[in-house]
Amino acid sequence: MEVLKYIVSGEKPDVLNPEISSLETIVSKIKKRPEVTKKYMQQWDRERILVQEAMAEGKEQGKELAIIAKICKKLLKGKSIETIASEIEEQESFVKEICTIAERFLPDCDEDAIYDEWKKKN
């Protein structure tokens, strides 16, 4: 039971256990091998890059959702596609595309659903 606890948590028991000491010696030797360190660092780099990409994607999605929300508000006020595009400083083709999708969701204008629909097309 103590060995399993050590493997899972890395926590050593208060009383010296020869099996855990032996296991710890083996793990220490493996950690000192250069190829293990290299593989660990490569994996760490990959994970860091994935996190950065996910954060950037989340920021971009947040910006796009905010723009969709603005388009919806202006659409509900009865503004034209040209007016909306001009006021929010976006491409008229993009605004038209969003408005076409948003019309199916009126009057609720569910930004997340509109975003999902738009992403499927792009």
PDB file of N, CA and C in Angstrom:
ATOM      1  N   MET A   1       0.820  -1.193   0.000  1.00  0.00           N
ATOM      2  CA  MET A   1       0.000   0.000   0.000  1.00  0.00           C
ATOM      3  C   MET A   1       0.877   1.276   0.000  1.00  0.00           C
ATOM      4  N   GLU A   2       1.956   1.243   0.760  1.00  0.00           N
ATOM      5  CA  GLU A   2       2.860   2.393   0.818  1.00  0.00           C
ATOM      6  C   GLU A   2       3.537   2.640  -0.529  1.00  0.00           C
ATOM      7  N   VAL A   3       3.887   1.570  -1.225  1.00  0.00           N
ATOM      8  CA  VAL A   3       4.533   1.692  -2.537  1.00  0.00           C
ATOM      9  C   VAL A   3       3.570   2.344  -3.520  1.00  0.00           C
ATOM     10  N   LEU A   4       2.334   1.908  -3.517  1.00  0.00           N
ATOM     11  CA  LEU A   4       1.323   2.490  -4.395  1.00  0.00           C
ATOM     12  C   LEU A   4       1.121   3.973  -4.070  1.00  0.00           C
ATOM     13  N   LYS A   5       1.058   4.302  -2.801  1.00  0.00           N
ATOM     14  CA  LYS A   5       0.907   5.701  -2.385  1.00  0.00           C
ATOM     15  C   LYS A   5       2.099   6.532  -2.874  1.00  0.00           C
ATOM     16  N   TYR A   6       3.307   5.969  -2.789  1.00  0.00           N
ATOM     17  CA  TYR A   6       4.507   6.666  -3.256  1.00  0.00           C
ATOM     18  C   TYR A   6       4.448   6.883  -4.768  1.00  0.00           C
ATOM     19  N   ILE A   7       4.022   5.863  -5.513  1.00  0.00           N
ATOM     20  CA  ILE A   7       3.952   5.960  -6.969  1.00  0.00           C
ATOM     21  C   ILE A   7       2.952   7.035  -7.384  1.00  0.00           C
ATOM     22  N   VAL A   8       1.809   7.060  -6.725  1.00  0.00           N
ATOM     23  CA  VAL A   8       0.750   8.000  -7.102  1.00  0.00           C
ATOM     24  C   VAL A   8       1.066   9.423  -6.660  1.00  0.00           C
ATOM     25  N   SER A   9       1.505   9.593  -5.429  1.00  0.00           N
ATOM     26  CA  SER A   9       1.669  10.948  -4.890  1.00  0.00           C
ATOM     27  C   SER A   9       3.113  11.405  -4.764  1.00  0.00           C
ATOM     28  N   GLY A  10       4.060  10.464  -4.783  1.00  0.00           N
ATOM     29  CA  GLY A  10       5.456  10.824  -4.567  1.00  0.00           C
ATOM     30  C   GLY A  10       5.774  11.025  -3.093  1.00  0.00           C
ATOM     31  N   GLU A  11       4.792  10.777  -2.261  1.00  0.00           N
ATOM     32  CA  GLU A  11       4.948  10.983  -0.815  1.00  0.00           C
ATOM     33  C   GLU A  11       5.632   9.765  -0.189  1.00  0.00           C
ATOM     34  N   LYS A  12       6.715  10.033   0.531  1.00  0.00           N
ATOM     35  CA  LYS A  12       7.443   8.948   1.190  1.00  0.00           C
ATOM     36  C   LYS A  12       6.845   8.708   2.577  1.00  0.00           C
ATOM     37  N   PRO A  13       6.819   7.456   3.000  1.00  0.00           N
ATOM     38  CA  PRO A  13       6.314   7.163   4.345  1.00  0.00           C
ATOM     39  C   PRO A  13       7.329   7.592   5.404  1.00  0.00           C
ATOM     40  N   ASP A  14       6.844   7.775   6.611  1.00  0.00           N
ATOM     41  CA  ASP A  14       7.733   8.172   7.708  1.00  0.00           C
ATOM     42  C   ASP A  14       8.731   7.057   8.056  1.00  0.00           C
ATOM     43  N   VAL A  15       8.264   5.823   7.943  1.00  0.00           N
ATOM     44  CA  VAL A  15       9.117   4.674   8.250  1.00  0.00           C
ATOM     45  C   VAL A  15       9.822   4.242   6.967  1.00  0.00           C
ATOM     46  N   LEU A  16      11.107   3.972   7.054  1.00  0.00           N
ATOM     47  CA  LEU A  16      11.895   3.572   5.901  1.00  0.00           C
ATOM     48  C   LEU A  16      11.359   2.267   5.324  1.00  0.00           C
ATOM     49  N   ASN A  17      11.110   2.272   4.021  1.00  0.00           N
ATOM     50  CA  ASN A  17      10.601   1.087   3.340  1.00  0.00           C
ATOM     51  C   ASN A  17      11.602   0.733   2.250  1.00  0.00           C
ATOM     52  N   PRO A  18      12.199  -0.466   2.301  1.00  0.00           N
ATOM     53  CA  PRO A  18      13.237  -0.820   1.330  1.00  0.00           C
ATOM     54  C   PRO A  18      12.724  -0.851  -0.113  1.00  0.00           C
ATOM     55  N   GLU A  19      11.475  -1.227  -0.311  1.00  0.00           N
ATOM     56  CA  GLU A  19      10.920  -1.269  -1.670  1.00  0.00           C
ATOM     57  C   GLU A  19      10.816   0.139  -2.256  1.00  0.00           C
ATOM     58  N   ILE A  20      10.394   1.078  -1.423  1.00  0.00           N
ATOM     59  CA  ILE A  20      10.278   2.466  -1.881  1.00  0.00           C
ATOM     60  C   ILE A  20      11.662   3.048  -2.133  1.00  0.00           C
ATOM     61  N   SER A  21      12.615   2.738  -1.270  1.00  0.00           N
ATOM     62  CA  SER A  21      13.992   3.220  -1.457  1.00  0.00           C
ATOM     63  C   SER A  21      14.569   2.690  -2.755  1.00  0.00           C
ATOM     64  N   SER A  22      14.323   1.438  -3.045  1.00  0.00           N
ATOM     65  CA  SER A  22      14.804   0.830  -4.283  1.00  0.00           C
ATOM     66  C   SER A  22      14.157   1.491  -5.492  1.00  0.00           C
ATOM     67  N   LEU A  23      12.865   1.696  -5.413  1.00  0.00           N
ATOM     68  CA  LEU A  23      12.131   2.354  -6.500  1.00  0.00           C
ATOM     69  C   LEU A  23      12.635   3.777  -6.712  1.00  0.00           C
ATOM     70  N   GLU A  24      12.868   4.480  -5.629  1.00  0.00           N
ATOM     71  CA  GLU A  24      13.376   5.853  -5.708  1.00  0.00           C
ATOM     72  C   GLU A  24      14.760   5.902  -6.346  1.00  0.00           C
ATOM     73  N   THR A  25      15.593   4.948  -6.054  1.00  0.00           N
ATOM     74  CA  THR A  25      16.928   4.872  -6.649  1.00  0.00           C
ATOM     75  C   THR A  25      16.824   4.674  -8.159  1.00  0.00           C
ATOM     76  N   ILE A  26      15.941   3.779  -8.576  1.00  0.00           N
ATOM     77  CA  ILE A  26      15.753   3.520 -10.006  1.00  0.00           C
ATOM     78  C   ILE A  26      15.250   4.775 -10.717  1.00  0.00           C
ATOM     79  N   VAL A  27      14.262   5.428 -10.135  1.00  0.00           N
ATOM     80  CA  VAL A  27      13.693   6.642 -10.739  1.00  0.00           C
ATOM     81  C   VAL A  27      14.748   7.735 -10.831  1.00  0.00           C
ATOM     82  N   SER A  28      15.549   7.893  -9.799  1.00  0.00           N
ATOM     83  CA  SER A  28      16.611   8.915  -9.810  1.00  0.00           C
ATOM     84  C   SER A  28      17.624   8.654 -10.918  1.00  0.00           C
ATOM     85  N   LYS A  29      17.998   7.389 -11.107  1.00  0.00           N
ATOM     86  CA  LYS A  29      18.942   7.058 -12.175  1.00  0.00           C
ATOM     87  C   LYS A  29      18.351   7.386 -13.550  1.00  0.00           C
ATOM     88  N   ILE A  30      17.090   7.050 -13.728  1.00  0.00           N
ATOM     89  CA  ILE A  30      16.439   7.315 -15.017  1.00  0.00           C
ATOM     90  C   ILE A  30      16.349   8.817 -15.272  1.00  0.00           C
ATOM     91  N   LYS A  31      16.013   9.583 -14.256  1.00  0.00           N
ATOM     92  CA  LYS A  31      15.894  11.041 -14.410  1.00  0.00           C
ATOM     93  C   LYS A  31      17.220  11.688 -14.785  1.00  0.00           C
ATOM     94  N   LYS A  32      18.322  11.090 -14.384  1.00  0.00           N
ATOM     95  CA  LYS A  32      19.639  11.665 -14.668  1.00  0.00           C
ATOM     96  C   LYS A  32      20.106  11.395 -16.092  1.00  0.00           C
ATOM     97  N   ARG A  33      19.438  10.499 -16.803  1.00  0.00           N
ATOM     98  CA  ARG A  33      19.834  10.171 -18.172  1.00  0.00           C
ATOM     99  C   ARG A  33      19.487  11.340 -19.089  1.00  0.00           C
ATOM    100  N   PRO A  34      20.438  11.777 -19.930  1.00  0.00           N
ATOM    101  CA  PRO A  34      20.218  12.945 -20.792  1.00  0.00           C
ATOM    102  C   PRO A  34      19.039  12.793 -21.755  1.00  0.00           C
ATOM    103  N   GLU A  35      18.843  11.585 -22.286  1.00  0.00           N
ATOM    104  CA  GLU A  35      17.738  11.410 -23.235  1.00  0.00           C
ATOM    105  C   GLU A  35      16.379  11.557 -22.560  1.00  0.00           C
ATOM    106  N   VAL A  36      16.294  11.188 -21.287  1.00  0.00           N
ATOM    107  CA  VAL A  36      15.043  11.351 -20.543  1.00  0.00           C
ATOM    108  C   VAL A  36      14.779  12.836 -20.317  1.00  0.00           C
ATOM    109  N   THR A  37      15.814  13.570 -19.928  1.00  0.00           N
ATOM    110  CA  THR A  37      15.680  15.008 -19.719  1.00  0.00           C
ATOM    111  C   THR A  37      15.259  15.698 -21.017  1.00  0.00           C
ATOM    112  N   LYS A  38      15.888  15.290 -22.122  1.00  0.00           N
ATOM    113  CA  LYS A  38      15.570  15.881 -23.425  1.00  0.00           C
ATOM    114  C   LYS A  38      14.100  15.624 -23.787  1.00  0.00           C
ATOM    115  N   LYS A  39      13.640  14.386 -23.640  1.00  0.00           N
ATOM    116  CA  LYS A  39      12.250  14.040 -23.960  1.00  0.00           C
ATOM    117  C   LYS A  39      11.279  14.801 -23.056  1.00  0.00           C
ATOM    118  N   TYR A  40      11.626  14.924 -21.794  1.00  0.00           N
ATOM    119  CA  TYR A  40      10.781  15.660 -20.857  1.00  0.00           C
ATOM    120  C   TYR A  40      10.663  17.124 -21.286  1.00  0.00           C
ATOM    121  N   MET A  41      11.769  17.730 -21.638  1.00  0.00           N
ATOM    122  CA  MET A  41      11.757  19.137 -22.046  1.00  0.00           C
ATOM    123  C   MET A  41      10.986  19.330 -23.353  1.00  0.00           C
ATOM    124  N   GLN A  42      11.124  18.380 -24.286  1.00  0.00           N
ATOM    125  CA  GLN A  42      10.370  18.468 -25.535  1.00  0.00           C
ATOM    126  C   GLN A  42       8.875  18.393 -25.255  1.00  0.00           C
ATOM    127  N   GLN A  43       8.474  17.490 -24.375  1.00  0.00           N
ATOM    128  CA  GLN A  43       7.058  17.365 -24.018  1.00  0.00           C
ATOM    129  C   GLN A  43       6.576  18.634 -23.323  1.00  0.00           C
ATOM    130  N   TRP A  44       7.400  19.178 -22.448  1.00  0.00           N
ATOM    131  CA  TRP A  44       7.035  20.405 -21.747  1.00  0.00           C
ATOM    132  C   TRP A  44       6.842  21.546 -22.743  1.00  0.00           C
ATOM    133  N   ASP A  45       7.731  21.647 -23.726  1.00  0.00           N
ATOM    134  CA  ASP A  45       7.607  22.673 -24.771  1.00  0.00           C
ATOM    135  C   ASP A  45       6.322  22.493 -25.573  1.00  0.00           C
ATOM    136  N   ARG A  46       6.024  21.245 -25.953  1.00  0.00           N
ATOM    137  CA  ARG A  46       4.792  20.982 -26.711  1.00  0.00           C
ATOM    138  C   ARG A  46       3.550  21.410 -25.921  1.00  0.00           C
ATOM    139  N   GLU A  47       3.530  21.068 -24.652  1.00  0.00           N
ATOM    140  CA  GLU A  47       2.381  21.424 -23.811  1.00  0.00           C
ATOM    141  C   GLU A  47       2.264  22.940 -23.658  1.00  0.00           C
ATOM    142  N   ARG A  48       3.376  23.624 -23.507  1.00  0.00           N
ATOM    143  CA  ARG A  48       3.366  25.084 -23.377  1.00  0.00           C
ATOM    144  C   ARG A  48       2.836  25.731 -24.652  1.00  0.00           C
ATOM    145  N   ILE A  49       3.258  25.217 -25.805  1.00  0.00           N
ATOM    146  CA  ILE A  49       2.792  25.748 -27.089  1.00  0.00           C
ATOM    147  C   ILE A  49       1.294  25.518 -27.244  1.00  0.00           C
ATOM    148  N   LEU A  50       0.827  24.336 -26.864  1.00  0.00           N
ATOM    149  CA  LEU A  50      -0.609  24.038 -26.951  1.00  0.00           C
ATOM    150  C   LEU A  50      -1.436  24.984 -26.079  1.00  0.00           C
ATOM    151  N   VAL A  51      -0.944  25.271 -24.897  1.00  0.00           N
ATOM    152  CA  VAL A  51      -1.644  26.196 -23.999  1.00  0.00           C
ATOM    153  C   VAL A  51      -1.681  27.592 -24.607  1.00  0.00           C
ATOM    154  N   GLN A  52      -0.559  28.045 -25.159  1.00  0.00           N
ATOM    155  CA  GLN A  52      -0.513  29.365 -25.788  1.00  0.00           C
ATOM    156  C   GLN A  52      -1.466  29.449 -26.972  1.00  0.00           C
ATOM    157  N   GLU A  53      -1.503  28.396 -27.788  1.00  0.00           N
ATOM    158  CA  GLU A  53      -2.408  28.377 -28.934  1.00  0.00           C
ATOM    159  C   GLU A  53      -3.868  28.393 -28.489  1.00  0.00           C
ATOM    160  N   ALA A  54      -4.173  27.643 -27.449  1.00  0.00           N
ATOM    161  CA  ALA A  54      -5.546  27.609 -26.932  1.00  0.00           C
ATOM    162  C   ALA A  54      -5.958  28.976 -26.387  1.00  0.00           C
ATOM    163  N   MET A  55      -5.049  29.642 -25.707  1.00  0.00           N
ATOM    164  CA  MET A  55      -5.350  30.974 -25.175  1.00  0.00           C
ATOM    165  C   MET A  55      -5.577  31.967 -26.309  1.00  0.00           C
ATOM    166  N   ALA A  56      -4.741  31.911 -27.329  1.00  0.00           N
ATOM    167  CA  ALA A  56      -4.895  32.817 -28.477  1.00  0.00           C
ATOM    168  C   ALA A  56      -6.218  32.551 -29.187  1.00  0.00           C
ATOM    169  N   GLU A  57      -6.561  31.284 -29.330  1.00  0.00           N
ATOM    170  CA  GLU A  57      -7.819  30.920 -29.974  1.00  0.00           C
ATOM    171  C   GLU A  57      -9.010  31.428 -29.149  1.00  0.00           C
ATOM    172  N   GLY A  58      -8.905  31.316 -27.844  1.00  0.00           N
ATOM    173  CA  GLY A  58      -9.967  31.811 -26.962  1.00  0.00           C
ATOM    174  C   GLY A  58     -10.137  33.319 -27.055  1.00  0.00           C
ATOM    175  N   LYS A  59      -9.018  34.033 -27.128  1.00  0.00           N
ATOM    176  CA  LYS A  59      -9.081  35.493 -27.270  1.00  0.00           C
ATOM    177  C   LYS A  59      -9.744  35.877 -28.589  1.00  0.00           C
ATOM    178  N   GLU A  60      -9.354  35.179 -29.650  1.00  0.00           N
ATOM    179  CA  GLU A  60      -9.917  35.459 -30.976  1.00  0.00           C
ATOM    180  C   GLU A  60     -11.413  35.177 -30.988  1.00  0.00           C
ATOM    181  N   GLN A  61     -11.805  34.083 -30.376  1.00  0.00           N
ATOM    182  CA  GLN A  61     -13.222  33.742 -30.313  1.00  0.00           C
ATOM    183  C   GLN A  61     -13.986  34.800 -29.525  1.00  0.00           C
ATOM    184  N   GLY A  62     -13.407  35.282 -28.457  1.00  0.00           N
ATOM    185  CA  GLY A  62     -14.046  36.328 -27.662  1.00  0.00           C
ATOM    186  C   GLY A  62     -14.261  37.598 -28.464  1.00  0.00           C
ATOM    187  N   LYS A  63     -13.257  37.976 -29.261  1.00  0.00           N
ATOM    188  CA  LYS A  63     -13.382  39.163 -30.118  1.00  0.00           C
ATOM    189  C   LYS A  63     -14.494  38.969 -31.145  1.00  0.00           C
ATOM    190  N   GLU A  64     -14.513  37.792 -31.765  1.00  0.00           N
ATOM    191  CA  GLU A  64     -15.522  37.515 -32.782  1.00  0.00           C
ATOM    192  C   GLU A  64     -16.928  37.500 -32.185  1.00  0.00           C
ATOM    193  N   LEU A  65     -17.071  36.942 -30.990  1.00  0.00           N
ATOM    194  CA  LEU A  65     -18.374  36.933 -30.325  1.00  0.00           C
ATOM    195  C   LEU A  65     -18.832  38.355 -29.986  1.00  0.00           C
ATOM    196  N   ALA A  66     -17.898  39.211 -29.591  1.00  0.00           N
ATOM    197  CA  ALA A  66     -18.241  40.604 -29.284  1.00  0.00           C
ATOM    198  C   ALA A  66     -18.726  41.329 -30.538  1.00  0.00           C
ATOM    199  N   ILE A  67     -18.077  41.077 -31.659  1.00  0.00           N
ATOM    200  CA  ILE A  67     -18.487  41.694 -32.926  1.00  0.00           C
ATOM    201  C   ILE A  67     -19.869  41.183 -33.325  1.00  0.00           C
ATOM    202  N   ILE A  68     -20.097  39.894 -33.177  1.00  0.00           N
ATOM    203  CA  ILE A  68     -21.407  39.324 -33.502  1.00  0.00           C
ATOM    204  C   ILE A  68     -22.490  39.942 -32.625  1.00  0.00           C
ATOM    205  N   ALA A  69     -22.181  40.144 -31.355  1.00  0.00           N
ATOM    206  CA  ALA A  69     -23.150  40.774 -30.449  1.00  0.00           C
ATOM    207  C   ALA A  69     -23.483  42.188 -30.916  1.00  0.00           C
ATOM    208  N   LYS A  70     -22.483  42.949 -31.338  1.00  0.00           N
ATOM    209  CA  LYS A  70     -22.721  44.308 -31.842  1.00  0.00           C
ATOM    210  C   LYS A  70     -23.595  44.267 -33.097  1.00  0.00           C
ATOM    211  N   ILE A  71     -23.279  43.346 -33.992  1.00  0.00           N
ATOM    212  CA  ILE A  71     -24.062  43.232 -35.225  1.00  0.00           C
ATOM    213  C   ILE A  71     -25.512  42.912 -34.893  1.00  0.00           C
ATOM    214  N   CYS A  72     -25.716  41.995 -33.964  1.00  0.00           N
ATOM    215  CA  CYS A  72     -27.081  41.616 -33.578  1.00  0.00           C
ATOM    216  C   CYS A  72     -27.864  42.805 -33.014  1.00  0.00           C
ATOM    217  N   LYS A  73     -27.233  43.568 -32.146  1.00  0.00           N
ATOM    218  CA  LYS A  73     -27.907  44.732 -31.552  1.00  0.00           C
ATOM    219  C   LYS A  73     -28.329  45.719 -32.637  1.00  0.00           C
ATOM    220  N   LYS A  74     -27.444  45.962 -33.561  1.00  0.00           N
ATOM    221  CA  LYS A  74     -27.741  46.923 -34.621  1.00  0.00           C
ATOM    222  C   LYS A  74     -28.775  46.357 -35.599  1.00  0.00           C
ATOM    223  N   LEU A  75     -28.729  45.061 -35.830  1.00  0.00           N
ATOM    224  CA  LEU A  75     -29.702  44.403 -36.698  1.00  0.00           C
ATOM    225  C   LEU A  75     -31.103  44.495 -36.087  1.00  0.00           C
ATOM    226  N   LEU A  76     -31.171  44.290 -34.786  1.00  0.00           N
ATOM    227  CA  LEU A  76     -32.463  44.384 -34.086  1.00  0.00           C
ATOM    228  C   LEU A  76     -33.028  45.806 -34.102  1.00  0.00           C
ATOM    229  N   LYS A  77     -32.154  46.781 -34.232  1.00  0.00           N
ATOM    230  CA  LYS A  77     -32.602  48.178 -34.328  1.00  0.00           C
ATOM    231  C   LYS A  77     -33.038  48.526 -35.744  1.00  0.00           C
ATOM    232  N   GLY A  78     -32.913  47.558 -36.665  1.00  0.00           N
ATOM    233  CA  GLY A  78     -33.356  47.768 -38.035  1.00  0.00           C
ATOM    234  C   GLY A  78     -32.348  48.451 -38.940  1.00  0.00           C
ATOM    235  N   LYS A  79     -31.094  48.463 -38.525  1.00  0.00           N
ATOM    236  CA  LYS A  79     -30.069  49.119 -39.349  1.00  0.00           C
ATOM    237  C   LYS A  79     -29.699  48.241 -40.537  1.00  0.00           C
ATOM    238  N   SER A  80     -29.293  48.870 -41.626  1.00  0.00           N
ATOM    239  CA  SER A  80     -28.912  48.146 -42.834  1.00  0.00           C
ATOM    240  C   SER A  80     -27.526  47.548 -42.671  1.00  0.00           C
ATOM    241  N   ILE A  81     -27.217  46.580 -43.520  1.00  0.00           N
ATOM    242  CA  ILE A  81     -25.906  45.929 -43.498  1.00  0.00           C
ATOM    243  C   ILE A  81     -24.797  46.946 -43.734  1.00  0.00           C
ATOM    244  N   GLU A  82     -25.023  47.861 -44.664  1.00  0.00           N
ATOM    245  CA  GLU A  82     -24.011  48.884 -44.966  1.00  0.00           C
ATOM    246  C   GLU A  82     -23.764  49.775 -43.749  1.00  0.00           C
ATOM    247  N   THR A  83     -24.837  50.167 -43.078  1.00  0.00           N
ATOM    248  CA  THR A  83     -24.715  51.034 -41.900  1.00  0.00           C
ATOM    249  C   THR A  83     -23.981  50.310 -40.778  1.00  0.00           C
ATOM    250  N   ILE A  84     -24.380  49.067 -40.549  1.00  0.00           N
ATOM    251  CA  ILE A  84     -23.737  48.286 -39.488  1.00  0.00           C
ATOM    252  C   ILE A  84     -22.241  48.143 -39.775  1.00  0.00           C
ATOM    253  N   ALA A  85     -21.901  47.768 -40.999  1.00  0.00           N
ATOM    254  CA  ALA A  85     -20.495  47.593 -41.372  1.00  0.00           C
ATOM    255  C   ALA A  85     -19.706  48.879 -41.155  1.00  0.00           C
ATOM    256  N   SER A  86     -20.306  49.984 -41.520  1.00  0.00           N
ATOM    257  CA  SER A  86     -19.639  51.268 -41.357  1.00  0.00           C
ATOM    258  C   SER A  86     -19.451  51.611 -39.880  1.00  0.00           C
ATOM    259  N   GLU A  87     -20.492  51.404 -39.084  1.00  0.00           N
ATOM    260  CA  GLU A  87     -20.436  51.776 -37.664  1.00  0.00           C
ATOM    261  C   GLU A  87     -19.462  50.920 -36.855  1.00  0.00           C
ATOM    262  N   ILE A  88     -19.377  49.651 -37.180  1.00  0.00           N
ATOM    263  CA  ILE A  88     -18.464  48.798 -36.398  1.00  0.00           C
ATOM    264  C   ILE A  88     -17.124  48.575 -37.109  1.00  0.00           C
ATOM    265  N   GLU A  89     -16.973  49.213 -38.252  1.00  0.00           N
ATOM    266  CA  GLU A  89     -15.735  49.168 -39.022  1.00  0.00           C
ATOM    267  C   GLU A  89     -15.301  47.737 -39.357  1.00  0.00           C
ATOM    268  N   GLU A  90     -16.240  47.014 -39.958  1.00  0.00           N
ATOM    269  CA  GLU A  90     -15.974  45.641 -40.413  1.00  0.00           C
ATOM    270  C   GLU A  90     -16.325  45.533 -41.886  1.00  0.00           C
ATOM    271  N   GLN A  91     -15.811  44.512 -42.531  1.00  0.00           N
ATOM    272  CA  GLN A  91     -16.100  44.279 -43.936  1.00  0.00           C
ATOM    273  C   GLN A  91     -17.602  44.043 -44.125  1.00  0.00           C
ATOM    274  N   GLU A  92     -18.151  44.662 -45.158  1.00  0.00           N
ATOM    275  CA  GLU A  92     -19.572  44.516 -45.439  1.00  0.00           C
ATOM    276  C   GLU A  92     -19.936  43.049 -45.717  1.00  0.00           C
ATOM    277  N   SER A  93     -19.067  42.327 -46.391  1.00  0.00           N
ATOM    278  CA  SER A  93     -19.335  40.917 -46.695  1.00  0.00           C
ATOM    279  C   SER A  93     -19.449  40.084 -45.416  1.00  0.00           C
ATOM    280  N   PHE A  94     -18.592  40.374 -44.441  1.00  0.00           N
ATOM    281  CA  PHE A  94     -18.636  39.672 -43.146  1.00  0.00           C
ATOM    282  C   PHE A  94     -19.933  39.992 -42.418  1.00  0.00           C
ATOM    283  N   VAL A  95     -20.292  41.269 -42.376  1.00  0.00           N
ATOM    284  CA  VAL A  95     -21.516  41.692 -41.684  1.00  0.00           C
ATOM    285  C   VAL A  95     -22.727  41.039 -42.346  1.00  0.00           C
ATOM    286  N   LYS A  96     -22.729  41.002 -43.665  1.00  0.00           N
ATOM    287  CA  LYS A  96     -23.837  40.382 -44.394  1.00  0.00           C
ATOM    288  C   LYS A  96     -23.958  38.902 -44.037  1.00  0.00           C
ATOM    289  N   GLU A  97     -22.821  38.232 -43.989  1.00  0.00           N
ATOM    290  CA  GLU A  97     -22.798  36.811 -43.653  1.00  0.00           C
ATOM    291  C   GLU A  97     -23.370  36.565 -42.247  1.00  0.00           C
ATOM    292  N   ILE A  98     -22.953  37.384 -41.307  1.00  0.00           N
ATOM    293  CA  ILE A  98     -23.443  37.244 -39.932  1.00  0.00           C
ATOM    294  C   ILE A  98     -24.935  37.567 -39.862  1.00  0.00           C
ATOM    295  N   CYS A  99     -25.362  38.620 -40.556  1.00  0.00           N
ATOM    296  CA  CYS A  99     -26.774  39.005 -40.548  1.00  0.00           C
ATOM    297  C   CYS A  99     -27.651  37.898 -41.133  1.00  0.00           C
ATOM    298  N   THR A 100     -27.177  37.267 -42.174  1.00  0.00           N
ATOM    299  CA  THR A 100     -27.926  36.170 -42.797  1.00  0.00           C
ATOM    300  C   THR A 100     -28.124  35.026 -41.805  1.00  0.00           C
ATOM    301  N   ILE A 101     -27.089  34.707 -41.085  1.00  0.00           N
ATOM    302  CA  ILE A 101     -27.192  33.650 -40.065  1.00  0.00           C
ATOM    303  C   ILE A 101     -28.060  34.119 -38.907  1.00  0.00           C
ATOM    304  N   ALA A 102     -27.852  35.355 -38.451  1.00  0.00           N
ATOM    305  CA  ALA A 102     -28.560  35.886 -37.287  1.00  0.00           C
ATOM    306  C   ALA A 102     -30.065  35.959 -37.503  1.00  0.00           C
ATOM    307  N   GLU A 103     -30.493  36.184 -38.730  1.00  0.00           N
ATOM    308  CA  GLU A 103     -31.928  36.298 -39.009  1.00  0.00           C
ATOM    309  C   GLU A 103     -32.685  35.030 -38.621  1.00  0.00           C
ATOM    310  N   ARG A 104     -32.010  33.901 -38.662  1.00  0.00           N
ATOM    311  CA  ARG A 104     -32.634  32.636 -38.260  1.00  0.00           C
ATOM    312  C   ARG A 104     -32.818  32.532 -36.751  1.00  0.00           C
ATOM    313  N   PHE A 105     -32.086  33.343 -36.013  1.00  0.00           N
ATOM    314  CA  PHE A 105     -32.128  33.275 -34.558  1.00  0.00           C
ATOM    315  C   PHE A 105     -32.904  34.438 -33.931  1.00  0.00           C
ATOM    316  N   LEU A 106     -33.454  35.306 -34.763  1.00  0.00           N
ATOM    317  CA  LEU A 106     -34.186  36.459 -34.239  1.00  0.00           C
ATOM    318  C   LEU A 106     -35.457  36.020 -33.539  1.00  0.00           C
ATOM    319  N   PRO A 107     -35.917  36.688 -32.526  1.00  0.00           N
ATOM    320  CA  PRO A 107     -35.370  37.913 -31.940  1.00  0.00           C
ATOM    321  C   PRO A 107     -34.326  37.671 -30.853  1.00  0.00           C
ATOM    322  N   ASP A 108     -34.039  36.414 -30.552  1.00  0.00           N
ATOM    323  CA  ASP A 108     -33.109  36.117 -29.457  1.00  0.00           C
ATOM    324  C   ASP A 108     -31.671  36.501 -29.773  1.00  0.00           C
ATOM    325  N   CYS A 109     -31.253  36.282 -31.002  1.00  0.00           N
ATOM    326  CA  CYS A 109     -29.883  36.609 -31.419  1.00  0.00           C
ATOM    327  C   CYS A 109     -28.853  35.942 -30.502  1.00  0.00           C
ATOM    328  N   ASP A 110     -28.891  34.628 -30.438  1.00  0.00           N
ATOM    329  CA  ASP A 110     -27.964  33.844 -29.627  1.00  0.00           C
ATOM    330  C   ASP A 110     -26.569  33.891 -30.256  1.00  0.00           C
ATOM    331  N   GLU A 111     -25.690  34.727 -29.693  1.00  0.00           N
ATOM    332  CA  GLU A 111     -24.360  34.935 -30.270  1.00  0.00           C
ATOM    333  C   GLU A 111     -23.568  33.640 -30.410  1.00  0.00           C
ATOM    334  N   ASP A 112     -23.673  32.771 -29.409  1.00  0.00           N
ATOM    335  CA  ASP A 112     -22.920  31.517 -29.467  1.00  0.00           C
ATOM    336  C   ASP A 112     -23.396  30.639 -30.624  1.00  0.00           C
ATOM    337  N   ALA A 113     -24.703  30.548 -30.799  1.00  0.00           N
ATOM    338  CA  ALA A 113     -25.255  29.740 -31.891  1.00  0.00           C
ATOM    339  C   ALA A 113     -24.880  30.343 -33.245  1.00  0.00           C
ATOM    340  N   ILE A 114     -24.941  31.652 -33.340  1.00  0.00           N
ATOM    341  CA  ILE A 114     -24.559  32.332 -34.591  1.00  0.00           C
ATOM    342  C   ILE A 114     -23.082  32.094 -34.881  1.00  0.00           C
ATOM    343  N   TYR A 115     -22.253  32.216 -33.860  1.00  0.00           N
ATOM    344  CA  TYR A 115     -20.815  31.982 -34.004  1.00  0.00           C
ATOM    345  C   TYR A 115     -20.557  30.554 -34.487  1.00  0.00           C
ATOM    346  N   ASP A 116     -21.205  29.578 -33.843  1.00  0.00           N
ATOM    347  CA  ASP A 116     -21.013  28.180 -34.225  1.00  0.00           C
ATOM    348  C   ASP A 116     -21.410  27.946 -35.680  1.00  0.00           C
ATOM    349  N   GLU A 117     -22.533  28.511 -36.075  1.00  0.00           N
ATOM    350  CA  GLU A 117     -23.005  28.370 -37.456  1.00  0.00           C
ATOM    351  C   GLU A 117     -22.013  29.017 -38.439  1.00  0.00           C
ATOM    352  N   TRP A 118     -21.534  30.188 -38.081  1.00  0.00           N
ATOM    353  CA  TRP A 118     -20.579  30.902 -38.936  1.00  0.00           C
ATOM    354  C   TRP A 118     -19.275  30.114 -39.055  1.00  0.00           C
ATOM    355  N   LYS A 119     -18.801  29.563 -37.939  1.00  0.00           N
ATOM    356  CA  LYS A 119     -17.553  28.794 -37.946  1.00  0.00           C
ATOM    357  C   LYS A 119     -17.665  27.548 -38.813  1.00  0.00           C
ATOM    358  N   LYS A 120     -18.832  26.928 -38.826  1.00  0.00           N
ATOM    359  CA  LYS A 120     -19.030  25.735 -39.654  1.00  0.00           C
ATOM    360  C   LYS A 120     -18.838  26.071 -41.136  1.00  0.00           C
ATOM    361  N   LYS A 121     -19.241  27.274 -41.518  1.00  0.00           N
ATOM    362  CA  LYS A 121     -19.139  27.691 -42.922  1.00  0.00           C
ATOM    363  C   LYS A 121     -17.741  28.160 -43.280  1.00  0.00           C
ATOM    364  N   ASN A 122     -16.972  28.563 -42.295  1.00  0.00           N
ATOM    365  CA  ASN A 122     -15.637  29.121 -42.570  1.00  0.00           C
ATOM    366  C   ASN A 122     -14.531  28.237 -42.091  1.00  0.00           C
TER     367      ASN A 122
END
